[in-house]
N, C-alpha and C. Protein backbone atom coordinates (compact mmCIF):
# COMPACT_ATOMS: atom_id res chain seq x y z
N UNK A 1 54.97 -44.19 63.81
CA UNK A 1 54.01 -43.92 62.95
C UNK A 1 53.86 -44.80 61.54
N UNK A 2 53.16 -45.91 61.04
CA UNK A 2 52.65 -46.50 60.23
C UNK A 2 52.75 -46.03 59.18
N UNK A 3 52.63 -45.16 59.09
CA UNK A 3 51.46 -44.45 57.77
C UNK A 3 53.16 -44.00 56.89
N UNK A 4 53.22 -44.48 55.66
CA UNK A 4 54.12 -43.88 54.42
C UNK A 4 54.90 -43.03 55.21
N UNK A 5 55.99 -42.91 55.11
CA UNK A 5 56.35 -41.77 55.97
C UNK A 5 57.07 -40.64 54.78
N UNK A 6 57.32 -41.35 53.32
CA UNK A 6 57.83 -40.87 52.07
C UNK A 6 56.53 -39.60 51.88
N UNK A 7 55.16 -40.50 51.60
CA UNK A 7 54.20 -40.00 51.35
C UNK A 7 53.71 -38.28 52.21
N UNK A 8 53.77 -38.98 53.72
CA UNK A 8 52.89 -37.57 54.99
C UNK A 8 54.59 -36.56 54.26
N UNK A 9 55.82 -37.02 54.39
CA UNK A 9 56.81 -36.28 54.28
C UNK A 9 56.33 -35.05 53.33
N UNK A 10 56.44 -35.19 51.95
CA UNK A 10 55.96 -34.90 50.75
C UNK A 10 54.66 -33.80 50.70
N UNK A 11 53.75 -34.62 51.42
CA UNK A 11 52.56 -34.09 51.50
C UNK A 11 52.57 -32.86 52.53
N UNK A 12 53.32 -32.93 53.99
CA UNK A 12 54.06 -31.86 54.34
C UNK A 12 54.93 -30.49 54.33
N UNK A 13 55.89 -30.80 53.42
CA UNK A 13 56.89 -29.93 52.38
C UNK A 13 55.79 -29.03 51.74
N UNK A 14 55.41 -29.34 50.66
CA UNK A 14 54.24 -29.02 50.15
C UNK A 14 53.05 -28.13 50.69
N UNK A 15 52.37 -28.50 51.86
CA UNK A 15 51.65 -27.69 52.64
C UNK A 15 52.82 -26.50 53.17
N UNK A 16 53.69 -26.99 53.68
CA UNK A 16 55.00 -25.41 54.16
C UNK A 16 55.20 -24.69 53.54
N UNK A 17 55.16 -25.24 51.93
CA UNK A 17 55.68 -24.65 51.08
C UNK A 17 54.72 -23.07 50.67
N UNK A 18 52.60 -24.09 50.30
CA UNK A 18 51.70 -23.26 50.54
C UNK A 18 52.16 -22.28 51.82
N UNK A 19 52.26 -22.27 52.81
CA UNK A 19 52.02 -21.47 53.74
C UNK A 19 53.16 -20.50 53.37
N UNK A 20 54.36 -21.21 53.03
CA UNK A 20 55.66 -19.60 52.99
C UNK A 20 54.64 -19.07 51.90
N UNK A 21 53.90 -19.48 50.51
CA UNK A 21 53.35 -18.95 50.00
C UNK A 21 52.17 -17.69 50.29
N UNK A 22 51.72 -18.13 51.12
CA UNK A 22 49.99 -17.65 51.83
C UNK A 22 51.41 -16.24 52.46
N UNK A 23 51.97 -16.72 53.48
CA UNK A 23 52.60 -14.88 54.07
C UNK A 23 53.18 -14.32 53.42
N UNK A 24 53.63 -14.48 51.87
CA UNK A 24 54.09 -13.43 51.29
C UNK A 24 53.07 -12.87 50.90
N UNK A 25 52.08 -13.74 50.38
CA UNK A 25 50.66 -13.02 49.31
C UNK A 25 50.24 -12.23 50.62
N UNK A 26 50.52 -12.11 51.90
CA UNK A 26 49.84 -11.18 53.40
C UNK A 26 50.59 -9.96 52.71
N UNK A 27 52.27 -10.05 53.25
CA UNK A 27 53.36 -9.44 53.37
C UNK A 27 52.82 -8.42 52.02
N UNK A 28 52.31 -9.00 50.96
CA UNK A 28 52.25 -8.11 49.94
C UNK A 28 50.88 -7.09 49.96
N UNK A 29 49.95 -7.45 50.73
CA UNK A 29 48.54 -7.14 50.38
C UNK A 29 48.03 -7.49 49.43
N UNK A 30 48.08 -9.00 49.11
CA UNK A 30 47.19 -9.72 47.61
C UNK A 30 45.59 -9.59 48.28
N UNK A 31 44.78 -9.95 47.47
CA UNK A 31 43.40 -9.52 47.43
C UNK A 31 43.15 -10.68 48.48
N UNK A 32 42.08 -10.24 49.98
CA UNK A 32 41.39 -11.14 50.55
C UNK A 32 41.18 -12.67 49.87
N UNK A 33 40.41 -12.66 48.27
CA UNK A 33 39.81 -14.04 48.23
C UNK A 33 40.82 -14.76 47.89
N UNK A 34 42.00 -14.21 47.53
CA UNK A 34 43.13 -15.07 46.89
C UNK A 34 43.89 -16.05 48.07
N UNK A 35 43.69 -15.39 48.77
CA UNK A 35 44.42 -15.36 50.19
C UNK A 35 43.82 -16.50 50.87
N UNK A 36 42.15 -15.77 51.08
CA UNK A 36 41.28 -17.08 51.32
C UNK A 36 42.01 -18.72 50.25
N UNK A 37 41.35 -18.56 49.40
CA UNK A 37 41.23 -19.65 48.66
C UNK A 37 42.93 -20.23 48.78
N UNK A 38 43.92 -19.95 48.72
CA UNK A 38 44.94 -20.82 49.13
C UNK A 38 45.49 -21.25 50.44
N UNK A 39 44.55 -20.41 51.63
CA UNK A 39 44.69 -21.37 52.72
C UNK A 39 43.45 -22.45 53.38
N UNK A 40 42.38 -22.38 51.99
CA UNK A 40 41.33 -23.78 51.82
C UNK A 40 42.44 -24.67 51.28
N UNK A 41 43.06 -24.11 50.19
CA UNK A 41 43.41 -25.23 49.33
C UNK A 41 44.96 -25.87 50.68
N UNK A 42 45.42 -25.22 51.52
CA UNK A 42 46.42 -25.73 52.46
C UNK A 42 45.68 -26.89 53.56
N UNK A 43 44.65 -26.41 54.47
CA UNK A 43 43.70 -26.86 54.78
C UNK A 43 43.36 -28.48 54.52
N UNK A 44 43.01 -28.53 53.02
CA UNK A 44 42.69 -29.62 52.48
C UNK A 44 44.19 -30.36 52.42
N UNK A 45 45.16 -30.12 52.17
CA UNK A 45 46.26 -31.12 51.88
C UNK A 45 46.32 -31.47 53.56
N UNK A 46 46.24 -30.51 54.51
CA UNK A 46 47.01 -31.15 55.85
C UNK A 46 45.79 -32.18 56.11
N UNK A 47 44.54 -31.79 55.73
CA UNK A 47 43.21 -33.11 55.91
C UNK A 47 43.43 -34.29 55.22
N UNK A 48 44.24 -33.88 54.36
CA UNK A 48 44.81 -35.44 53.30
C UNK A 48 46.06 -35.41 54.25
N UNK A 49 46.68 -35.11 54.65
CA UNK A 49 47.89 -35.84 56.23
C UNK A 49 47.32 -36.17 56.93
N UNK A 50 46.31 -35.49 57.48
CA UNK A 50 45.83 -36.77 58.55
C UNK A 50 44.96 -37.78 58.65
N UNK A 51 44.10 -37.98 57.57
CA UNK A 51 43.79 -38.99 57.13
C UNK A 51 44.18 -40.30 56.70
N UNK A 52 45.59 -39.77 56.56
CA UNK A 52 46.52 -41.02 56.34
C UNK A 52 47.57 -41.16 57.55
N UNK A 53 47.50 -40.71 58.03
CA UNK A 53 47.90 -40.74 59.54
C UNK A 53 47.04 -41.49 60.23
N UNK A 54 45.92 -41.55 60.34
CA UNK A 54 44.43 -41.90 60.96
C UNK A 54 43.89 -43.27 60.20
N UNK A 55 44.38 -43.07 59.12
CA UNK A 55 44.36 -44.47 58.57
C UNK A 55 45.38 -45.65 58.89
N UNK A 56 46.54 -45.07 58.79
CA UNK A 56 47.29 -46.10 58.99
C UNK A 56 47.48 -46.12 60.99
N UNK A 57 47.19 -45.57 61.76
CA UNK A 57 46.52 -46.04 62.97
C UNK A 57 45.75 -47.01 62.93
N UNK A 58 44.57 -46.97 62.49
CA UNK A 58 43.32 -48.10 62.38
C UNK A 58 44.25 -49.50 61.86
N UNK A 59 45.21 -49.30 60.84
CA UNK A 59 45.35 -50.71 60.41
C UNK A 59 46.62 -51.39 60.92
N UNK A 60 46.97 -50.83 61.23
CA UNK A 60 47.82 -50.74 62.50
C UNK A 60 48.15 -50.65 63.97
N UNK A 61 48.40 -49.74 64.19
CA UNK A 61 47.81 -49.37 66.25
C UNK A 61 46.83 -50.26 66.31
N UNK A 62 45.50 -50.05 65.90
CA UNK A 62 43.81 -50.72 66.32
C UNK A 62 44.26 -51.79 66.28
N UNK A 63 44.55 -52.52 64.86
CA UNK A 63 44.57 -53.90 64.35
C UNK A 63 45.33 -54.59 64.89
N UNK A 64 46.17 -54.67 65.38
CA UNK A 64 47.37 -54.86 66.01
C UNK A 64 47.80 -55.29 67.38
N UNK A 65 46.35 -54.56 68.16
CA UNK A 65 46.36 -55.11 69.66
C UNK A 65 46.16 -55.75 70.08
N UNK A 66 47.14 -56.33 70.76
CA UNK A 66 46.88 -57.82 71.69
C UNK A 66 45.66 -58.23 72.19
N UNK A 67 45.50 -57.17 73.01
CA UNK A 67 44.24 -57.89 73.64
C UNK A 67 43.05 -56.84 73.20
N UNK A 68 41.28 -57.27 73.55
CA UNK A 68 40.40 -56.46 73.46
C UNK A 68 40.51 -55.26 73.93
N UNK A 69 41.32 -54.96 75.39
CA UNK A 69 40.84 -53.67 75.93
C UNK A 69 41.66 -52.87 75.53
N UNK A 70 42.61 -53.09 75.08
CA UNK A 70 43.74 -52.15 73.96
C UNK A 70 43.54 -51.96 73.05
N UNK A 71 42.50 -52.37 71.88
CA UNK A 71 41.84 -52.25 71.42
C UNK A 71 40.59 -51.35 71.19
N UNK A 72 39.94 -51.49 72.71
CA UNK A 72 39.09 -50.61 72.77
C UNK A 72 39.28 -48.77 73.72
N UNK A 73 40.62 -49.21 73.49
CA UNK A 73 41.58 -47.91 74.77
C UNK A 73 41.82 -47.18 72.82
N UNK A 74 42.67 -47.97 72.00
CA UNK A 74 43.18 -47.53 70.87
C UNK A 74 42.10 -46.76 70.28
N UNK A 75 40.30 -47.08 70.08
CA UNK A 75 39.47 -46.96 69.10
C UNK A 75 38.57 -46.02 69.74
N UNK A 76 39.01 -45.47 71.35
CA UNK A 76 38.42 -45.11 71.94
C UNK A 76 38.82 -43.72 71.69
N UNK A 77 40.58 -43.29 71.64
CA UNK A 77 41.41 -42.67 71.52
C UNK A 77 41.38 -42.14 69.85
N UNK A 78 40.87 -43.17 69.15
CA UNK A 78 40.54 -42.61 67.43
C UNK A 78 39.39 -41.61 67.85
N UNK A 79 38.56 -42.28 68.14
CA UNK A 79 36.54 -41.41 68.40
C UNK A 79 37.16 -40.26 69.26
N UNK A 80 37.79 -40.19 70.00
CA UNK A 80 38.21 -38.78 71.11
C UNK A 80 38.54 -37.72 69.68
N UNK A 81 39.53 -38.35 69.67
CA UNK A 81 40.53 -37.10 67.76
C UNK A 81 39.40 -36.66 67.09
N UNK A 82 38.55 -37.33 66.63
CA UNK A 82 37.51 -37.67 65.63
C UNK A 82 36.33 -36.46 66.00
N UNK A 83 36.36 -36.22 67.58
CA UNK A 83 35.42 -35.66 67.80
C UNK A 83 35.90 -34.33 67.70
N UNK A 84 37.07 -33.65 68.29
CA UNK A 84 37.88 -32.97 68.08
C UNK A 84 37.67 -32.07 67.05
N UNK A 85 38.01 -33.05 65.69
CA UNK A 85 38.56 -32.75 64.28
C UNK A 85 36.99 -31.63 63.87
N UNK A 86 35.55 -32.66 64.47
CA UNK A 86 34.81 -32.45 63.43
C UNK A 86 34.12 -31.13 64.54
N UNK A 87 34.31 -30.61 65.39
CA UNK A 87 33.87 -29.31 66.10
C UNK A 87 33.80 -28.13 64.85
């Protein structure tokens, strides 16, 4: 992975902490809207991590592909991933 590993790990650990907090909120039977708000915040953080990883993929794996065919295959792979995200 070419993304900044320290940044990715920090963000993922933060998301894990948020999930732990959400689990506690559910166990404590907290207000639904508060739980939903925390879920959306966690989703946003995970989307940030994914953008970081996909950006690194473009800047390294795609840009550094040795042949046009390899470059096109990596771009197609990225497009397929984006289609999954956008559903």
